[in-house]
Protein backbone atom coordinates (compact mmCIF):
# COMPACT_ATOMS: atom_id res chain seq x y z
CA MET A 1 56.95 88.90 18.08
CA PHE A 2 56.94 86.47 17.71
CA PRO A 3 55.78 82.98 17.02
CA THR A 4 54.19 80.77 19.51
CA HIS A 5 56.39 78.48 17.80
CA THR A 6 55.57 76.76 14.67
CA ARG A 7 59.26 75.66 14.46
CA ALA A 8 59.70 72.43 12.83
CA ALA A 9 63.43 72.63 13.41
CA LEU A 10 63.07 73.12 17.04
CA ALA A 11 60.33 70.76 17.61
CA SER A 12 62.33 67.48 17.44
CA THR A 13 65.01 68.93 19.57
CA HIS A 14 63.34 71.07 22.16
CA ARG A 15 59.71 69.67 22.54
CA ALA A 16 58.73 66.58 24.53
CA ALA A 17 55.21 65.46 24.41
CA ARG A 18 53.64 65.34 27.78
CA PRO A 19 52.30 61.91 28.67
CA ALA A 20 48.61 61.74 29.27
CA GLY A 21 47.35 61.28 32.76
CA ARG A 22 50.17 63.26 34.51
CA TRP A 23 48.03 66.12 35.78
CA ALA A 24 45.87 65.96 38.82
CA THR A 25 43.39 68.82 39.07
CA HIS A 26 41.78 70.08 42.21
CA THR A 27 39.00 72.40 41.51
CA LEU A 28 38.50 74.86 44.42
CA THR A 29 34.94 74.94 45.52
CA GLY A 30 35.33 77.36 48.45
CA LEU A 31 37.30 80.43 49.40
CA GLY A 32 39.13 79.69 52.66
CA THR A 33 41.68 81.97 54.35
CA ILE A 34 45.23 81.47 55.48
CA ALA A 35 45.39 84.73 57.34
CA ALA A 36 47.66 83.17 59.92
CA LEU A 37 50.36 83.07 57.31
CA ALA A 38 50.40 86.75 57.12
CA LEU A 39 51.92 86.78 60.77
CA THR A 40 54.86 84.58 59.33
CA ALA A 41 55.32 86.86 56.32
CA CYS A 42 55.39 89.90 58.71
CA GLY A 43 57.83 88.39 61.20
CA GLY A 44 55.08 86.92 63.49
CA GLY A 45 57.66 85.24 65.91
CA ASN A 46 58.74 81.86 66.62
CA ASP A 47 55.20 80.60 67.67
CA ALA A 48 53.76 81.47 64.10
CA PRO A 49 52.21 78.74 62.35
CA ALA A 50 54.26 76.66 59.76
CA PRO A 51 53.64 77.67 56.22
CA LEU A 52 51.31 75.75 54.12
CA ALA A 53 54.18 74.60 51.82
CA SER A 54 55.76 72.70 54.91
CA LYS A 55 52.97 70.10 54.27
CA PRO A 56 53.41 67.39 51.45
CA LEU A 57 53.02 69.44 48.24
CA ALA A 58 50.00 67.44 47.02
CA GLU A 59 48.19 68.27 50.42
CA ALA A 60 49.37 71.85 50.31
CA CYS A 61 48.42 72.36 46.69
CA SER A 62 44.83 71.08 47.14
CA ALA A 63 44.44 73.14 50.29
CA TYR A 64 45.64 76.46 48.78
CA THR A 65 43.19 79.23 48.18
CA SER A 66 43.04 83.03 48.57
CA ALA A 67 40.35 85.63 48.61
CA THR A 68 42.72 88.57 48.84
CA LEU A 69 44.84 88.64 45.88
CA PRO A 70 45.68 91.93 44.14
CA HIS A 71 43.86 93.29 41.02
CA GLY A 72 40.74 91.43 41.70
CA ALA A 73 42.45 88.09 40.87
CA LYS A 74 40.46 84.92 41.53
CA VAL A 75 41.87 81.41 41.95
CA THR A 76 40.02 79.08 39.69
CA ARG A 77 41.76 75.81 40.60
CA THR A 78 44.99 74.29 41.62
CA GLU A 79 46.97 71.33 39.92
CA LEU A 80 49.67 68.99 41.02
CA ARG A 81 52.01 68.39 38.17
CA LYS A 82 54.24 65.33 38.86
CA ALA A 83 57.90 65.46 37.92
CA GLU A 84 58.63 64.85 34.37
CA GLY A 85 62.04 64.92 32.57
CA THR A 86 64.06 67.72 34.09
CA LEU A 87 60.90 69.44 35.40
CA PRO A 88 60.17 68.79 39.26
CA ASP A 89 56.93 68.37 41.09
CA VAL A 90 55.14 71.64 41.28
CA CYS A 91 51.78 72.91 42.42
CA ILE A 92 50.09 75.12 39.73
CA VAL A 93 47.65 77.80 40.92
CA ARG A 94 45.55 79.01 38.07
CA GLY A 95 43.25 82.00 37.92
CA GLN A 96 41.87 84.98 36.16
CA ILE A 97 41.81 88.73 36.18
CA VAL A 98 38.84 90.30 34.49
CA SER A 99 40.04 93.67 33.23
CA SER A 100 37.12 94.38 31.15
CA ALA A 101 34.47 92.88 28.93
CA ASP A 102 37.25 92.76 26.25
CA SER A 103 40.10 91.42 28.05
CA THR A 104 40.45 88.60 30.78
CA ILE A 105 43.89 87.47 31.81
CA ASN A 106 44.35 83.93 32.53
CA TRP A 107 47.33 83.12 34.57
CA ALA A 108 49.41 80.44 36.25
CA VAL A 109 51.83 80.30 39.06
CA GLU A 110 54.09 77.36 39.55
CA LEU A 111 55.20 76.56 43.06
CA PRO A 112 58.02 74.16 43.76
CA THR A 113 58.46 72.30 47.04
CA LEU A 114 59.46 74.59 50.05
CA ALA A 115 62.81 72.60 50.15
CA GLN A 116 63.49 73.32 46.55
CA TRP A 117 62.29 76.96 46.32
CA ASN A 118 65.19 79.42 46.02
CA GLY A 119 63.23 82.42 47.36
CA LYS A 120 62.72 83.91 43.89
CA THR A 121 60.18 84.26 41.17
CA LEU A 122 60.62 84.10 37.41
CA THR A 123 58.04 85.54 35.08
CA ILE A 124 58.10 83.87 31.58
CA GLY A 125 57.14 85.98 28.62
CA GLY A 126 54.96 84.55 25.72
CA GLY A 127 55.50 84.68 21.91
CA GLY A 128 53.78 85.51 18.71
CA LEU A 129 50.59 87.46 19.46
CA ASP A 130 50.31 85.63 22.91
CA GLY A 131 46.92 84.05 23.82
CA PHE A 132 48.43 81.03 25.62
CA ILE A 133 50.13 80.42 28.99
CA PRO A 134 53.94 79.94 28.42
CA THR A 135 54.47 77.74 31.41
CA ASP A 136 52.10 75.28 29.93
CA ASP A 137 54.21 74.87 26.80
CA PRO A 138 57.26 72.57 27.03
CA TRP A 139 59.19 74.80 24.50
CA TYR A 140 59.15 77.76 27.00
CA GLN A 141 60.04 75.47 29.96
CA GLN A 142 62.96 74.24 27.76
CA LEU A 143 63.88 77.93 26.91
CA VAL A 144 64.31 78.93 30.56
CA GLY A 145 66.12 75.74 31.35
CA PRO A 146 66.80 73.55 34.51
CA SER A 147 68.04 76.61 36.29
CA ALA A 148 64.67 77.98 36.44
CA ASN A 149 63.21 75.01 38.38
CA PRO A 150 63.89 76.23 41.92
CA TYR A 151 61.97 79.62 41.08
CA VAL A 152 58.21 80.23 41.37
CA LYS A 153 57.45 80.36 37.68
CA ILE A 154 54.73 83.02 36.60
CA SER A 155 52.99 83.44 33.28
CA SER A 156 49.82 84.48 31.50
CA ASP A 157 48.12 84.74 28.16
CA SER A 158 48.48 88.54 28.29
CA GLY A 159 44.65 89.17 28.44
CA HIS A 160 43.25 87.42 25.45
CA GLN A 161 42.72 83.84 24.28
CA SER A 162 43.16 84.23 20.47
CA ARG A 163 46.42 83.69 18.62
CA GLY A 164 45.26 86.24 16.22
CA PHE A 165 45.33 90.04 16.54
CA GLU A 166 41.54 90.97 16.30
CA TRP A 167 41.42 91.88 20.02
CA ALA A 168 43.73 94.85 19.32
CA LYS A 169 40.59 96.90 18.80
CA SER A 170 40.47 97.18 22.46
CA ASP A 171 42.70 99.60 24.38
CA VAL A 172 42.40 97.50 27.56
CA ALA A 173 43.43 94.37 25.74
CA LEU A 174 46.29 96.18 24.08
CA ARG A 175 47.43 97.57 27.41
CA ASN A 176 47.31 94.08 29.03
CA HIS A 177 49.22 92.55 26.06
CA ALA A 178 51.86 95.39 25.92
CA PHE A 179 52.85 95.68 29.67
CA ASP A 180 49.92 95.46 32.20
CA ALA A 181 49.17 91.80 32.25
CA ASN A 182 52.85 90.87 33.36
CA HIS A 183 52.82 93.59 36.07
CA PHE A 184 49.51 92.57 37.34
CA VAL A 185 50.26 88.71 37.33
CA LEU A 186 53.66 89.39 38.97
CA GLU A 187 51.91 90.92 41.90
CA VAL A 188 49.58 88.09 42.01
CA GLY A 189 52.35 85.49 41.91
CA THR A 190 54.21 87.52 44.45
CA ALA A 191 51.17 87.32 46.88
CA ILE A 192 50.62 83.73 46.21
CA ALA A 193 54.26 82.77 46.92
CA THR A 194 54.19 84.86 50.12
CA GLU A 195 50.97 83.11 51.27
CA PHE A 196 52.24 79.65 50.30
CA TYR A 197 55.70 79.71 51.74
CA GLY A 198 55.21 82.26 54.54
CA LYS A 199 57.73 84.78 53.23
CA ARG A 200 57.92 87.23 50.43
CA PRO A 201 60.21 86.55 47.48
CA LEU A 202 63.65 88.04 47.76
CA ARG A 203 64.17 88.48 43.91
CA ARG A 204 62.11 88.69 40.87
CA TYR A 205 63.24 88.15 37.36
CA HIS A 206 61.66 88.07 33.75
CA MET A 207 62.87 85.99 30.87
CA GLY A 208 61.26 85.86 27.50
CA HIS A 209 61.98 85.49 23.75
CA SER A 210 60.76 87.46 20.94
CA ASN A 211 57.43 89.20 22.05
CA GLY A 212 58.31 87.72 25.49
CA GLY A 213 61.64 89.57 25.24
CA ARG A 214 59.79 92.73 24.38
CA SER A 215 57.37 92.39 27.30
CA GLY A 216 60.47 91.95 29.67
CA LEU A 217 62.30 94.87 28.05
CA ILE A 218 59.04 97.20 28.22
CA SER A 219 58.82 96.33 31.90
CA THR A 220 62.15 98.06 32.62
CA GLN A 221 60.66 101.21 30.98
CA LYS A 222 56.99 101.05 32.36
CA TYR A 223 57.37 99.22 35.67
CA PRO A 224 61.06 99.72 36.60
CA GLN A 225 60.44 98.37 40.18
CA ASP A 226 58.90 95.05 39.16
CA TYR A 227 62.12 93.10 38.19
CA ASP A 228 65.61 92.78 39.69
CA GLY A 229 66.61 91.39 36.36
CA VAL A 230 65.55 90.79 32.88
CA VAL A 231 66.71 88.41 30.10
CA ALA A 232 65.31 89.59 26.74
CA MET A 233 66.02 87.21 23.89
CA GLU A 234 65.59 88.55 20.31
CA PRO A 235 63.03 91.10 21.61
CA ALA A 236 60.40 92.33 19.21
CA ILE A 237 60.40 95.89 20.29
CA SER A 238 59.02 97.56 17.14
CA GLN A 239 56.24 95.20 15.85
CA GLN A 240 54.29 97.83 13.80
CA ALA A 241 57.64 99.13 12.25
CA HIS A 242 58.20 95.40 11.22
CA GLN A 243 54.62 95.18 9.68
CA VAL A 244 54.49 98.63 8.03
CA ASN A 245 57.90 98.27 6.38
CA LEU A 246 58.22 94.51 5.77
CA GLY A 247 54.79 94.22 4.09
CA PRO A 248 54.91 96.50 1.32
CA ASN A 249 58.64 96.30 0.68
CA VAL A 250 59.32 92.47 1.03
CA ILE A 251 56.24 90.36 1.54
CA GLN A 252 54.35 91.95 -1.40
CA HIS A 253 57.29 91.35 -3.64
CA ILE A 254 57.74 87.61 -2.57
CA PHE A 255 54.16 86.68 -2.87
CA LYS A 256 52.89 88.66 -5.90
CA ASN A 257 54.90 86.38 -8.23
CA ARG A 258 56.08 82.77 -7.75
CA GLU A 259 59.37 83.51 -9.55
CA ASN A 260 60.08 85.85 -6.57
CA TRP A 261 59.54 83.10 -3.86
CA LEU A 262 62.28 80.75 -2.70
CA SER A 263 61.49 77.09 -2.24
CA PRO A 264 63.32 75.11 0.47
CA ALA A 265 65.75 73.71 -2.21
CA LYS A 266 66.48 77.33 -3.48
CA VAL A 267 66.93 78.42 0.15
CA ALA A 268 69.51 75.75 0.63
CA LEU A 269 71.14 76.52 -2.63
CA TYR A 270 71.70 80.21 -1.53
CA ALA A 271 72.71 79.17 2.04
CA LYS A 272 75.57 76.96 0.62
CA ALA A 273 76.88 79.85 -1.65
CA GLU A 274 76.58 82.59 1.06
CA THR A 275 78.40 80.42 3.54
CA ALA A 276 81.19 79.51 1.09
CA ALA A 277 81.64 83.24 0.33
CA CYS A 278 81.57 84.59 3.99
CA ASP A 279 82.61 81.71 6.19
CA GLY A 280 86.20 82.55 6.33
CA LEU A 281 85.78 86.24 7.18
CA ASP A 282 86.09 85.48 10.85
CA GLY A 283 89.34 83.71 10.52
CA LEU A 284 88.13 80.17 10.19
CA LYS A 285 86.27 78.11 7.88
CA ASP A 286 83.76 76.27 10.02
CA GLY A 287 80.26 76.75 8.50
CA ILE A 288 79.61 79.65 10.86
CA ILE A 289 79.31 83.23 9.26
CA GLY A 290 80.69 85.17 12.23
CA ASN A 291 81.87 88.52 10.70
CA VAL A 292 78.31 89.36 9.29
CA GLU A 293 79.17 93.02 8.70
CA ALA A 294 81.89 92.10 6.25
CA CYS A 295 79.57 89.67 4.32
CA ASN A 296 78.40 91.39 1.26
CA TYR A 297 77.72 88.35 -0.86
CA VAL A 298 75.47 88.96 -4.07
CA PRO A 299 74.50 85.58 -5.84
CA THR A 300 74.88 86.94 -9.32
CA GLU A 301 76.66 83.62 -10.36
CA LEU A 302 73.33 81.78 -9.46
CA LEU A 303 71.22 83.64 -11.88
CA CYS A 304 69.44 81.16 -14.18
CA LYS A 305 70.86 81.13 -17.61
CA GLY A 306 68.14 78.95 -19.04
CA ALA A 307 65.13 77.32 -17.57
CA ASP A 308 64.25 77.88 -14.03
CA SER A 309 65.36 74.91 -11.67
CA ASP A 310 66.45 74.32 -8.17
CA THR A 311 70.08 74.79 -9.24
CA CYS A 312 69.72 78.50 -10.03
CA LEU A 313 68.02 81.69 -8.90
CA THR A 314 65.63 83.79 -11.08
CA ALA A 315 66.20 87.71 -11.27
CA GLY A 316 63.10 88.09 -8.98
CA GLN A 317 64.61 85.66 -6.38
CA ILE A 318 67.85 87.44 -6.45
CA GLU A 319 65.99 90.70 -5.83
CA THR A 320 64.09 89.02 -2.89
CA ILE A 321 67.41 88.43 -1.24
CA ARG A 322 68.59 91.92 -1.82
CA LEU A 323 65.35 93.26 -0.08
CA ILE A 324 65.94 90.80 2.98
CA TYR A 325 69.36 92.42 3.42
CA SER A 326 68.11 96.09 2.80
CA ASP A 327 66.84 98.79 5.19
CA HIS A 328 63.34 99.88 4.42
CA LYS A 329 61.56 103.16 5.02
CA THR A 330 57.94 103.35 4.30
CA PRO A 331 56.78 106.92 4.99
CA VAL A 332 54.71 106.05 8.20
CA THR A 333 55.75 107.58 11.55
CA LEU A 334 55.45 105.40 14.49
CA SER A 335 56.13 106.08 18.23
CA ARG A 336 58.99 108.34 19.09
CA GLY A 337 59.21 109.63 15.53
CA ALA A 338 60.46 106.29 14.14
CA VAL A 339 60.39 105.70 10.49
CA GLY A 340 61.56 102.53 8.87
CA TYR A 341 62.92 99.04 9.84
CA PRO A 342 66.49 97.84 9.39
CA ARG A 343 67.73 94.79 7.51
CA TYR A 344 68.16 91.37 8.60
CA GLY A 345 71.58 89.70 9.61
CA ARG A 346 73.45 87.35 7.27
CA GLY A 347 73.31 83.67 7.60
CA GLY A 348 69.47 83.23 8.04
CA ALA A 349 69.26 81.00 4.97
CA ALA A 350 71.28 78.35 6.78
CA THR A 351 68.78 78.25 9.65
CA SER A 352 65.12 77.53 9.52
CA ASP A 353 64.18 81.16 9.56
CA TRP A 354 63.86 81.79 5.96
CA GLU A 355 61.32 79.09 5.54
CA SER A 356 59.41 79.81 8.75
CA TYR A 357 59.51 83.58 8.52
CA MET A 358 59.89 84.73 4.86
CA PHE A 359 58.65 82.03 2.51
CA GLY A 360 56.73 79.15 4.12
CA PRO A 361 56.97 75.72 2.70
CA ARG A 362 54.43 76.43 -0.17
CA PHE A 363 54.06 79.50 -2.31
CA GLU A 364 50.25 79.19 -2.62
CA ALA A 365 49.57 78.58 1.02
CA ARG A 366 51.26 81.99 2.09
CA GLU A 367 52.22 80.28 5.36
CA SER A 368 55.28 82.24 6.39
CA PHE A 369 55.00 83.96 9.95
CA ASN A 370 55.88 87.45 8.48
CA HIS A 371 53.10 87.11 5.98
CA MET A 372 50.72 86.26 8.73
CA ALA A 373 51.92 89.10 11.07
CA VAL A 374 51.59 91.76 8.63
CA THR A 375 48.22 90.49 7.37
CA GLU A 376 46.90 90.44 10.85
CA ALA A 377 47.94 94.11 11.52
CA ALA A 378 46.36 95.18 8.11
CA ARG A 379 43.11 93.69 9.08
CA VAL A 380 43.14 95.54 12.37
CA VAL A 381 44.08 98.83 11.04
CA GLU A 382 41.65 98.50 7.97
CA GLY A 383 38.86 97.25 10.18
CA ASN A 384 38.47 94.48 7.57
CA PRO A 385 38.81 90.83 8.55
CA THR A 386 39.53 89.84 5.01
CA ALA A 387 42.07 92.51 4.06
CA ASP A 388 44.81 91.16 1.74
CA ILE A 389 48.43 92.32 2.40
CA LEU A 390 49.19 92.30 -1.39
CA ARG A 391 46.78 95.24 -1.82
CA HIS A 392 47.37 96.84 1.48
CA ASP A 393 48.98 100.37 1.65
CA PRO A 394 50.17 101.15 5.14
CA THR A 395 50.38 104.94 4.32
CA LEU A 396 46.62 105.17 4.22
CA TYR A 397 46.38 103.98 7.83
CA ALA A 398 49.19 105.87 9.46
CA ALA A 399 47.23 107.01 12.45
CA GLN A 400 45.81 103.40 13.13
CA TYR A 401 49.36 102.00 13.11
CA LEU A 402 50.65 104.69 15.22
CA ARG A 403 48.08 103.89 17.82
CA LEU A 404 49.29 100.33 18.05
CA ALA A 405 52.99 101.35 18.12
CA GLN A 406 52.52 103.83 20.86
CA MET A 407 50.86 101.18 23.02
CA ILE A 408 53.02 98.12 22.13
CA ASP A 409 56.65 99.46 21.28
CA GLY A 410 59.33 98.84 23.88
CA THR A 411 61.58 101.67 22.85
CA ASP A 412 61.54 104.16 25.60
CA PRO A 413 65.43 104.75 26.26
CA ASP A 414 64.83 106.21 29.79
CA VAL A 415 65.43 103.17 31.93
CA SER A 416 67.26 105.04 34.56
CA ALA A 417 64.76 104.20 37.32
CA PHE A 418 65.52 100.43 36.54
CA ALA A 419 69.30 101.06 36.61
CA ASP A 420 69.27 103.33 39.70
CA LYS A 421 67.45 100.47 41.81
CA GLY A 422 70.08 98.08 40.77
CA GLY A 423 68.31 96.22 38.06
CA LYS A 424 70.25 94.29 35.42
CA LEU A 425 69.43 93.70 31.81
CA LEU A 426 70.58 90.90 29.53
CA ILE A 427 69.67 91.25 25.82
CA TRP A 428 70.66 88.21 23.50
CA TYR A 429 70.43 87.89 19.72
CA GLY A 430 71.12 85.41 17.05
CA LEU A 431 72.88 87.37 14.34
CA SER A 432 71.02 85.53 11.58
CA ASP A 433 67.45 86.29 13.11
CA THR A 434 65.05 86.80 10.03
CA CYS A 435 62.03 87.50 12.01
CA VAL A 436 63.00 90.53 14.43
CA SER A 437 65.71 92.71 13.18
CA LEU A 438 68.88 92.65 15.22
CA TYR A 439 69.68 96.06 14.09
CA ARG A 440 66.43 97.59 15.34
CA THR A 441 67.39 96.47 18.96
CA ALA A 442 70.90 97.59 18.38
CA GLU A 443 69.69 101.02 17.50
CA TYR A 444 67.47 101.17 20.58
CA PHE A 445 70.57 100.06 22.79
CA ASP A 446 72.50 102.74 21.28
CA SER A 447 69.75 105.20 22.25
CA VAL A 448 69.85 104.12 25.94
CA LYS A 449 73.58 104.70 25.87
CA GLN A 450 73.01 108.25 24.45
CA ARG A 451 70.31 108.83 27.16
CA LEU A 452 72.20 107.51 30.17
CA GLY A 453 75.82 107.44 29.09
CA ALA A 454 77.77 104.52 27.91
CA SER A 455 79.66 103.92 31.13
CA LYS A 456 76.40 103.77 33.21
CA VAL A 457 74.72 101.33 30.77
CA GLN A 458 77.88 99.19 30.94
CA GLY A 459 77.18 98.82 34.64
CA PHE A 460 73.74 97.23 34.25
CA ALA A 461 73.08 96.12 30.61
CA ARG A 462 74.59 93.99 27.90
CA MET A 463 73.63 93.16 24.42
CA LEU A 464 75.15 89.74 23.55
CA THR A 465 75.05 87.82 20.22
CA SER A 466 75.72 84.52 18.71
CA PRO A 467 76.53 84.04 14.91
CA SER A 468 74.77 81.67 12.46
CA VAL A 469 71.73 81.38 14.83
CA GLY A 470 68.33 82.46 13.75
CA HIS A 471 65.01 83.51 15.41
CA ASN A 472 64.01 79.76 15.81
CA LEU A 473 67.27 79.29 17.94
CA ASP A 474 68.68 76.98 15.44
CA GLY A 475 71.39 77.00 12.67
CA PRO A 476 75.07 75.89 12.19
CA GLY A 477 76.15 78.26 15.08
CA THR A 478 76.34 77.38 18.73
CA ASP A 479 73.14 76.39 20.69
CA PRO A 480 71.81 79.48 22.59
CA LEU A 481 70.20 77.22 24.95
CA SER A 482 73.62 76.01 26.01
CA ILE A 483 74.11 79.67 27.53
CA ASP A 484 72.64 79.63 30.95
CA LEU A 485 71.36 83.26 30.61
CA LEU A 486 69.24 82.96 33.72
CA ALA A 487 72.15 81.87 36.00
CA ALA A 488 74.40 84.56 34.41
CA LEU A 489 71.63 87.12 35.28
CA ASP A 490 71.23 85.93 38.87
CA ALA A 491 75.11 85.98 39.51
CA TRP A 492 75.11 89.55 38.15
CA VAL A 493 72.28 90.61 40.52
CA GLU A 494 73.26 88.69 43.41
CA LYS A 495 77.17 88.76 43.34
CA GLY A 496 77.94 91.51 40.88
CA ASN A 497 79.58 89.08 38.40
CA ALA A 498 79.06 90.72 35.03
CA PRO A 499 78.24 88.27 32.05
CA ASP A 500 81.39 89.00 30.20
CA LYS A 501 82.99 85.46 29.84
CA LEU A 502 79.83 83.36 28.79
CA VAL A 503 80.54 80.53 26.39
CA ALA A 504 78.13 78.71 23.98
CA THR A 505 78.34 75.11 22.85
CA GLN A 506 77.80 73.55 19.47
CA PHE A 507 76.39 70.13 19.31
CA ALA A 508 76.44 67.44 16.66
CA PRO A 509 73.27 67.38 14.72
CA GLY A 510 70.40 65.67 16.46
CA THR A 511 72.43 64.96 19.58
CA ARG A 512 73.75 66.54 22.73
CA THR A 513 77.36 65.62 21.89
CA PRO A 514 79.53 68.78 22.03
CA THR A 515 81.65 69.48 18.99
CA ALA A 516 82.76 73.11 19.46
CA GLN A 517 82.56 76.23 21.77
CA ARG A 518 82.43 79.82 21.08
CA PRO A 519 82.62 82.95 23.28
CA VAL A 520 79.36 84.89 23.56
CA CYS A 521 80.35 88.42 22.44
CA GLU A 522 78.94 91.87 23.16
CA PHE A 523 77.51 93.52 20.00
CA PRO A 524 79.00 94.48 17.52
CA LYS A 525 81.87 92.08 18.31
CA PHE A 526 82.01 88.49 17.04
CA PRO A 527 84.21 85.50 17.71
CA ARG A 528 87.29 85.81 15.61
CA TYR A 529 89.66 82.80 15.41
CA ASN A 530 93.09 83.75 16.84
CA GLY A 531 94.93 81.85 14.00
CA SER A 532 96.01 79.19 16.32
CA GLY A 533 94.81 76.73 18.92
CA ASP A 534 92.00 74.27 19.07
CA PRO A 535 89.15 75.66 16.89
CA ALA A 536 86.72 73.60 19.15
CA LYS A 537 87.75 75.61 22.15
CA ALA A 538 86.30 79.09 23.15
CA GLU A 539 89.81 80.23 24.23
CA SER A 540 91.02 80.04 20.65
CA PHE A 541 88.70 82.89 19.73
CA THR A 542 88.64 86.68 20.65
CA CYS A 543 85.61 88.84 20.53
CA ALA A 544 86.56 91.29 17.76
CA ALA A 545 84.79 94.09 15.82
CA THR A 546 86.53 93.67 12.54
């Protein structure tokens, strides 16, 4: 879904505080015109005026305005962001689309210099329940990486300004959040780029993680002409299935009794034991659980024989672990007749996911993301802002959950229009994700193959994975941000180079010093050690299914 990233583990690695005073804001007081630029955009001849972007960026940025943007969009101001770290100078155009009294879309379009622009746009999806502008968040800039800097970057808050879910009572707000906001703002960003540079973008891409991955994936279903390519990282395609099934079957069990909840010390205890039991199943003991399907470890030897302590697990805690690795089927039917939500992948305890999404740092605070998500949904469907998930029965609100799922789910297998126009789709997952089930997206990907045929899907889509990496993009496995997924997508679209030989790098903790590499495998395959060769080299591994 998912988080707007309360990721303690990632914060130190991927976030950099933006120094104060680096933003110059130019409030637009009038609506000028740049009609002459339309001549350039339409091939107005050699005597057409130079595009606005041919001026120095600061001058062009303060001068830009438009009264003719699509969907009633209005520019509110421009900002010049000076270069910082790996980010270049850009002009940021900000504005709004007022869809209804219940939903206003705030958006931002980042324009690099004319010399740097590669002629393409990149829409960056949000996370959690949205309510913020991803391009303003350093974590999302880090997510798309330096390869994204030559693009016009486009993002929005998806039509609401709250990080909660109370806005979901409005169908307009739901449609904006689900799919319309990205579509509208893409057209706005395309128009702005055309006006600013004097030519229409040649390619348009989308990249997002979690809920941002879902928003990219659903665009291939709802608006197949929007993008030439989509990168969907750990897409949260079935959010209500997550809430309906995880709430009564896992979250209620964890938080109804402290003896069912795992402290950070207990999580670390289990992680060490699970890794020891399953590490070598991929042919190499390296701290990475590669062959997750062969890992069936049950921590019976950790059962407390006497008093509870951090050196053992209670029976309730062992049951919690069993539930994490179990499929669940609450009898509530959601969109496309779906019932249930699959298990999570092995290895999540060795990432920050178990604390972030399952348990939180304190039992009493109930601060886990999954607890928050299922509670927010329960409050919406009950119409009760104080609804408690520990007493919530989803079967009593089946129609309300179905309404939400039919709007938000990104599970339509018919993406033929996207494929037929030459679109390319990259899905990536960490196999240890303990927020959004890998197996739910795998089920969806199988349904696309059944609908379109496996050979056709192989021509335009891949589902790639990395073991021992969680939803927070951390863990003992390779760093997913070392995989340049955007560059791989662009090479597939532009040159026809399928992303079948990507390599991910592992770094020493707290550094950017490479320690190992692994191939990025197509699901359900994983990197299996060949039995010889340098275990730090990707060529010593083969993608295998067993």
